[in-house]
Amino acid sequence: MLQFTDLNHEKHCINFALLNNVVFREKDDCSVVSFHMQGHHVVPVSVDRVTAERLHKELGEME
């Protein structure tokens, strides 16, 4: 489970087993991370750059 808090102070738990793809993009003063899941579901979240870097690192360790 990947756990983090977005810029709206909402807590997220993403199940690794359901992920197909993750897209990171920079937007103005934040990062948008889009989690593409099974069944054509997409969960886009806005996070600060530090959180985006942590998520990228943790996802990279899954390989």
PDB file of N, CA and C in Angstrom:
ATOM      1  N   MET A   1       0.842  -1.184   0.000  1.00  0.00           N
ATOM      2  CA  MET A   1       0.000   0.000   0.000  1.00  0.00           C
ATOM      3  C   MET A   1       0.884   1.243   0.000  1.00  0.00           C
ATOM      4  N   LEU A   2       0.559   2.155  -0.859  1.00  0.00           N
ATOM      5  CA  LEU A   2       1.258   3.431  -0.942  1.00  0.00           C
ATOM      6  C   LEU A   2       0.383   4.455  -0.228  1.00  0.00           C
ATOM      7  N   GLN A   3       0.906   5.110   0.812  1.00  0.00           N
ATOM      8  CA  GLN A   3       0.124   6.058   1.598  1.00  0.00           C
ATOM      9  C   GLN A   3       0.747   7.443   1.522  1.00  0.00           C
ATOM     10  N   PHE A   4      -0.103   8.457   1.314  1.00  0.00           N
ATOM     11  CA  PHE A   4       0.371   9.833   1.251  1.00  0.00           C
ATOM     12  C   PHE A   4      -0.807  10.781   1.459  1.00  0.00           C
ATOM     13  N   THR A   5      -0.494  12.055   1.658  1.00  0.00           N
ATOM     14  CA  THR A   5      -1.496  13.098   1.829  1.00  0.00           C
ATOM     15  C   THR A   5      -1.354  14.103   0.691  1.00  0.00           C
ATOM     16  N   ASP A   6      -2.471  14.490   0.080  1.00  0.00           N
ATOM     17  CA  ASP A   6      -2.421  15.436  -1.040  1.00  0.00           C
ATOM     18  C   ASP A   6      -2.450  16.879  -0.540  1.00  0.00           C
ATOM     19  N   LEU A   7      -2.471  17.832  -1.458  1.00  0.00           N
ATOM     20  CA  LEU A   7      -2.446  19.250  -1.097  1.00  0.00           C
ATOM     21  C   LEU A   7      -3.725  19.721  -0.406  1.00  0.00           C
ATOM     22  N   ASN A   8      -4.800  18.947  -0.519  1.00  0.00           N
ATOM     23  CA  ASN A   8      -6.052  19.270   0.175  1.00  0.00           C
ATOM     24  C   ASN A   8      -6.140  18.587   1.536  1.00  0.00           C
ATOM     25  N   HIS A   9      -5.020  18.020   1.957  1.00  0.00           N
ATOM     26  CA  HIS A   9      -4.917  17.317   3.247  1.00  0.00           C
ATOM     27  C   HIS A   9      -5.793  16.072   3.322  1.00  0.00           C
ATOM     28  N   GLU A  10      -6.061  15.485   2.143  1.00  0.00           N
ATOM     29  CA  GLU A  10      -6.794  14.220   2.080  1.00  0.00           C
ATOM     30  C   GLU A  10      -5.792  13.085   2.058  1.00  0.00           C
ATOM     31  N   LYS A  11      -6.054  12.049   2.823  1.00  0.00           N
ATOM     32  CA  LYS A  11      -5.147  10.899   2.880  1.00  0.00           C
ATOM     33  C   LYS A  11      -5.544   9.880   1.819  1.00  0.00           C
ATOM     34  N   HIS A  12      -4.537   9.321   1.146  1.00  0.00           N
ATOM     35  CA  HIS A  12      -4.759   8.326   0.101  1.00  0.00           C
ATOM     36  C   HIS A  12      -3.992   7.053   0.434  1.00  0.00           C
ATOM     37  N   CYS A  13      -4.583   5.929   0.099  1.00  0.00           N
ATOM     38  CA  CYS A  13      -3.930   4.623   0.175  1.00  0.00           C
ATOM     39  C   CYS A  13      -4.147   3.966  -1.188  1.00  0.00           C
ATOM     40  N   ILE A  14      -3.049   3.734  -1.900  1.00  0.00           N
ATOM     41  CA  ILE A  14      -3.120   3.151  -3.235  1.00  0.00           C
ATOM     42  C   ILE A  14      -2.592   1.718  -3.167  1.00  0.00           C
ATOM     43  N   ASN A  15      -3.385   0.779  -3.641  1.00  0.00           N
ATOM     44  CA  ASN A  15      -3.009  -0.629  -3.645  1.00  0.00           C
ATOM     45  C   ASN A  15      -2.086  -0.898  -4.839  1.00  0.00           C
ATOM     46  N   PHE A  16      -0.851  -1.292  -4.571  1.00  0.00           N
ATOM     47  CA  PHE A  16       0.122  -1.570  -5.629  1.00  0.00           C
ATOM     48  C   PHE A  16      -0.397  -2.605  -6.628  1.00  0.00           C
ATOM     49  N   ALA A  17      -1.125  -3.592  -6.145  1.00  0.00           N
ATOM     50  CA  ALA A  17      -1.569  -4.692  -6.999  1.00  0.00           C
ATOM     51  C   ALA A  17      -2.543  -4.232  -8.089  1.00  0.00           C
ATOM     52  N   LEU A  18      -3.183  -3.082  -7.903  1.00  0.00           N
ATOM     53  CA  LEU A  18      -4.172  -2.613  -8.869  1.00  0.00           C
ATOM     54  C   LEU A  18      -3.603  -1.618  -9.889  1.00  0.00           C
ATOM     55  N   LEU A  19      -2.339  -1.218  -9.722  1.00  0.00           N
ATOM     56  CA  LEU A  19      -1.741  -0.212 -10.597  1.00  0.00           C
ATOM     57  C   LEU A  19      -1.332  -0.786 -11.948  1.00  0.00           C
ATOM     58  N   ASN A  20      -1.647  -0.039 -13.012  1.00  0.00           N
ATOM     59  CA  ASN A  20      -1.166  -0.356 -14.353  1.00  0.00           C
ATOM     60  C   ASN A  20      -0.076   0.607 -14.775  1.00  0.00           C
ATOM     61  N   ASN A  21      -0.233   1.889 -14.395  1.00  0.00           N
ATOM     62  CA  ASN A  21       0.678   2.928 -14.837  1.00  0.00           C
ATOM     63  C   ASN A  21       0.559   4.117 -13.886  1.00  0.00           C
ATOM     64  N   VAL A  22       1.645   4.861 -13.724  1.00  0.00           N
ATOM     65  CA  VAL A  22       1.636   6.084 -12.925  1.00  0.00           C
ATOM     66  C   VAL A  22       2.327   7.175 -13.739  1.00  0.00           C
ATOM     67  N   VAL A  23       1.671   8.336 -13.831  1.00  0.00           N
ATOM     68  CA  VAL A  23       2.204   9.457 -14.606  1.00  0.00           C
ATOM     69  C   VAL A  23       2.476  10.618 -13.650  1.00  0.00           C
ATOM     70  N   PHE A  24       3.703  11.159 -13.738  1.00  0.00           N
ATOM     71  CA  PHE A  24       4.096  12.318 -12.944  1.00  0.00           C
ATOM     72  C   PHE A  24       4.220  13.505 -13.883  1.00  0.00           C
ATOM     73  N   ARG A  25       3.617  14.646 -13.499  1.00  0.00           N
ATOM     74  CA  ARG A  25       3.801  15.860 -14.292  1.00  0.00           C
ATOM     75  C   ARG A  25       3.811  17.071 -13.370  1.00  0.00           C
ATOM     76  N   GLU A  26       4.581  18.061 -13.786  1.00  0.00           N
ATOM     77  CA  GLU A  26       4.693  19.304 -13.023  1.00  0.00           C
ATOM     78  C   GLU A  26       3.622  20.269 -13.509  1.00  0.00           C
ATOM     79  N   LYS A  27       2.982  20.955 -12.567  1.00  0.00           N
ATOM     80  CA  LYS A  27       1.966  21.938 -12.922  1.00  0.00           C
ATOM     81  C   LYS A  27       2.107  23.119 -11.971  1.00  0.00           C
ATOM     82  N   ASP A  28       2.549  24.248 -12.518  1.00  0.00           N
ATOM     83  CA  ASP A  28       2.734  25.468 -11.727  1.00  0.00           C
ATOM     84  C   ASP A  28       3.596  25.194 -10.496  1.00  0.00           C
ATOM     85  N   ASP A  29       3.012  25.301  -9.312  1.00  0.00           N
ATOM     86  CA  ASP A  29       3.782  25.156  -8.073  1.00  0.00           C
ATOM     87  C   ASP A  29       3.570  23.807  -7.389  1.00  0.00           C
ATOM     88  N   CYS A  30       3.020  22.822  -8.117  1.00  0.00           N
ATOM     89  CA  CYS A  30       2.802  21.506  -7.520  1.00  0.00           C
ATOM     90  C   CYS A  30       3.088  20.418  -8.552  1.00  0.00           C
ATOM     91  N   SER A  31       2.930  19.190  -8.134  1.00  0.00           N
ATOM     92  CA  SER A  31       3.062  18.038  -9.022  1.00  0.00           C
ATOM     93  C   SER A  31       1.725  17.317  -9.059  1.00  0.00           C
ATOM     94  N   VAL A  32       1.365  16.817 -10.227  1.00  0.00           N
ATOM     95  CA  VAL A  32       0.152  16.010 -10.365  1.00  0.00           C
ATOM     96  C   VAL A  32       0.597  14.590 -10.649  1.00  0.00           C
ATOM     97  N   VAL A  33       0.134  13.668  -9.825  1.00  0.00           N
ATOM     98  CA  VAL A  33       0.446  12.255  -9.994  1.00  0.00           C
ATOM     99  C   VAL A  33      -0.862  11.555 -10.354  1.00  0.00           C
ATOM    100  N   SER A  34      -0.884  10.883 -11.504  1.00  0.00           N
ATOM    101  CA  SER A  34      -2.083  10.169 -11.953  1.00  0.00           C
ATOM    102  C   SER A  34      -1.839   8.676 -11.845  1.00  0.00           C
ATOM    103  N   PHE A  35      -2.644   8.033 -11.040  1.00  0.00           N
ATOM    104  CA  PHE A  35      -2.556   6.585 -10.840  1.00  0.00           C
ATOM    105  C   PHE A  35      -3.588   5.926 -11.750  1.00  0.00           C
ATOM    106  N   HIS A  36      -3.111   5.166 -12.728  1.00  0.00           N
ATOM    107  CA  HIS A  36      -3.988   4.447 -13.656  1.00  0.00           C
ATOM    108  C   HIS A  36      -4.157   3.029 -13.121  1.00  0.00           C
ATOM    109  N   MET A  37      -5.412   2.656 -12.897  1.00  0.00           N
ATOM    110  CA  MET A  37      -5.728   1.383 -12.258  1.00  0.00           C
ATOM    111  C   MET A  37      -6.423   0.442 -13.238  1.00  0.00           C
ATOM    112  N   GLN A  38      -6.600  -0.787 -12.797  1.00  0.00           N
ATOM    113  CA  GLN A  38      -7.354  -1.758 -13.579  1.00  0.00           C
ATOM    114  C   GLN A  38      -8.777  -1.246 -13.783  1.00  0.00           C
ATOM    115  N   GLY A  39      -9.388  -1.604 -14.893  1.00  0.00           N
ATOM    116  CA  GLY A  39     -10.772  -1.221 -15.150  1.00  0.00           C
ATOM    117  C   GLY A  39     -10.923   0.217 -15.598  1.00  0.00           C
ATOM    118  N   HIS A  40      -9.884   0.805 -16.164  1.00  0.00           N
ATOM    119  CA  HIS A  40      -9.925   2.163 -16.718  1.00  0.00           C
ATOM    120  C   HIS A  40     -10.183   3.237 -15.674  1.00  0.00           C
ATOM    121  N   HIS A  41      -9.808   3.011 -14.436  1.00  0.00           N
ATOM    122  CA  HIS A  41      -9.950   4.013 -13.384  1.00  0.00           C
ATOM    123  C   HIS A  41      -8.661   4.817 -13.281  1.00  0.00           C
ATOM    124  N   VAL A  42      -8.798   6.132 -13.128  1.00  0.00           N
ATOM    125  CA  VAL A  42      -7.644   7.010 -12.963  1.00  0.00           C
ATOM    126  C   VAL A  42      -7.875   7.862 -11.724  1.00  0.00           C
ATOM    127  N   VAL A  43      -6.847   7.943 -10.876  1.00  0.00           N
ATOM    128  CA  VAL A  43      -6.907   8.770  -9.674  1.00  0.00           C
ATOM    129  C   VAL A  43      -5.812   9.832  -9.788  1.00  0.00           C
ATOM    130  N   PRO A  44      -6.183  11.058 -10.221  1.00  0.00           N
ATOM    131  CA  PRO A  44      -5.183  12.132 -10.273  1.00  0.00           C
ATOM    132  C   PRO A  44      -5.148  12.871  -8.936  1.00  0.00           C
ATOM    133  N   VAL A  45      -3.967  13.125  -8.410  1.00  0.00           N
ATOM    134  CA  VAL A  45      -3.830  13.854  -7.151  1.00  0.00           C
ATOM    135  C   VAL A  45      -2.760  14.925  -7.287  1.00  0.00           C
ATOM    136  N   SER A  46      -2.979  16.042  -6.620  1.00  0.00           N
ATOM    137  CA  SER A  46      -1.994  17.121  -6.579  1.00  0.00           C
ATOM    138  C   SER A  46      -1.228  17.021  -5.270  1.00  0.00           C
ATOM    139  N   VAL A  47       0.089  16.996  -5.388  1.00  0.00           N
ATOM    140  CA  VAL A  47       0.951  16.888  -4.215  1.00  0.00           C
ATOM    141  C   VAL A  47       2.095  17.889  -4.340  1.00  0.00           C
ATOM    142  N   ASP A  48       2.781  18.133  -3.232  1.00  0.00           N
ATOM    143  CA  ASP A  48       3.956  18.996  -3.321  1.00  0.00           C
ATOM    144  C   ASP A  48       5.097  18.208  -3.957  1.00  0.00           C
ATOM    145  N   ARG A  49       6.133  18.909  -4.355  1.00  0.00           N
ATOM    146  CA  ARG A  49       7.232  18.254  -5.084  1.00  0.00           C
ATOM    147  C   ARG A  49       7.976  17.231  -4.227  1.00  0.00           C
ATOM    148  N   VAL A  50       8.081  17.485  -2.932  1.00  0.00           N
ATOM    149  CA  VAL A  50       8.761  16.537  -2.039  1.00  0.00           C
ATOM    150  C   VAL A  50       7.992  15.216  -1.990  1.00  0.00           C
ATOM    151  N   THR A  51       6.671  15.304  -1.881  1.00  0.00           N
ATOM    152  CA  THR A  51       5.849  14.094  -1.852  1.00  0.00           C
ATOM    153  C   THR A  51       5.939  13.363  -3.190  1.00  0.00           C
ATOM    154  N   ALA A  52       5.924  14.104  -4.301  1.00  0.00           N
ATOM    155  CA  ALA A  52       6.043  13.480  -5.621  1.00  0.00           C
ATOM    156  C   ALA A  52       7.359  12.724  -5.747  1.00  0.00           C
ATOM    157  N   GLU A  53       8.432  13.305  -5.270  1.00  0.00           N
ATOM    158  CA  GLU A  53       9.731  12.635  -5.329  1.00  0.00           C
ATOM    159  C   GLU A  53       9.736  11.373  -4.471  1.00  0.00           C
ATOM    160  N   ARG A  54       9.101  11.438  -3.300  1.00  0.00           N
ATOM    161  CA  ARG A  54       9.026  10.249  -2.437  1.00  0.00           C
ATOM    162  C   ARG A  54       8.214   9.146  -3.111  1.00  0.00           C
ATOM    163  N   LEU A  55       7.074   9.511  -3.706  1.00  0.00           N
ATOM    164  CA  LEU A  55       6.240   8.521  -4.390  1.00  0.00           C
ATOM    165  C   LEU A  55       6.997   7.882  -5.552  1.00  0.00           C
ATOM    166  N   HIS A  56       7.708   8.718  -6.310  1.00  0.00           N
ATOM    167  CA  HIS A  56       8.489   8.209  -7.444  1.00  0.00           C
ATOM    168  C   HIS A  56       9.538   7.217  -6.962  1.00  0.00           C
ATOM    169  N   LYS A  57      10.198   7.538  -5.870  1.00  0.00           N
ATOM    170  CA  LYS A  57      11.220   6.648  -5.319  1.00  0.00           C
ATOM    171  C   LYS A  57      10.616   5.333  -4.834  1.00  0.00           C
ATOM    172  N   GLU A  58       9.506   5.421  -4.090  1.00  0.00           N
ATOM    173  CA  GLU A  58       8.874   4.206  -3.566  1.00  0.00           C
ATOM    174  C   GLU A  58       8.344   3.323  -4.706  1.00  0.00           C
ATOM    175  N   LEU A  59       7.794   3.932  -5.741  1.00  0.00           N
ATOM    176  CA  LEU A  59       7.301   3.149  -6.884  1.00  0.00           C
ATOM    177  C   LEU A  59       8.460   2.513  -7.641  1.00  0.00           C
ATOM    178  N   GLY A  60       9.575   3.224  -7.720  1.00  0.00           N
ATOM    179  CA  GLY A  60      10.762   2.682  -8.392  1.00  0.00           C
ATOM    180  C   GLY A  60      11.334   1.474  -7.682  1.00  0.00           C
ATOM    181  N   GLU A  61      11.171   1.440  -6.372  1.00  0.00           N
ATOM    182  CA  GLU A  61      11.659   0.302  -5.589  1.00  0.00           C
ATOM    183  C   GLU A  61      10.814  -0.938  -5.778  1.00  0.00           C
ATOM    184  N   MET A  62       9.620  -0.779  -6.356  1.00  0.00           N
ATOM    185  CA  MET A  62       8.742  -1.933  -6.598  1.00  0.00           C
ATOM    186  C   MET A  62       9.257  -2.816  -7.704  1.00  0.00           C
ATOM    187  N   GLU A  63      10.047  -2.266  -8.633  1.00  0.00           N
ATOM    188  CA  GLU A  63      10.489  -3.018  -9.815  1.00  0.00           C
ATOM    189  C   GLU A  63      11.176  -4.268  -9.468  1.00  0.00           C
TER     190      GLU A  63
END
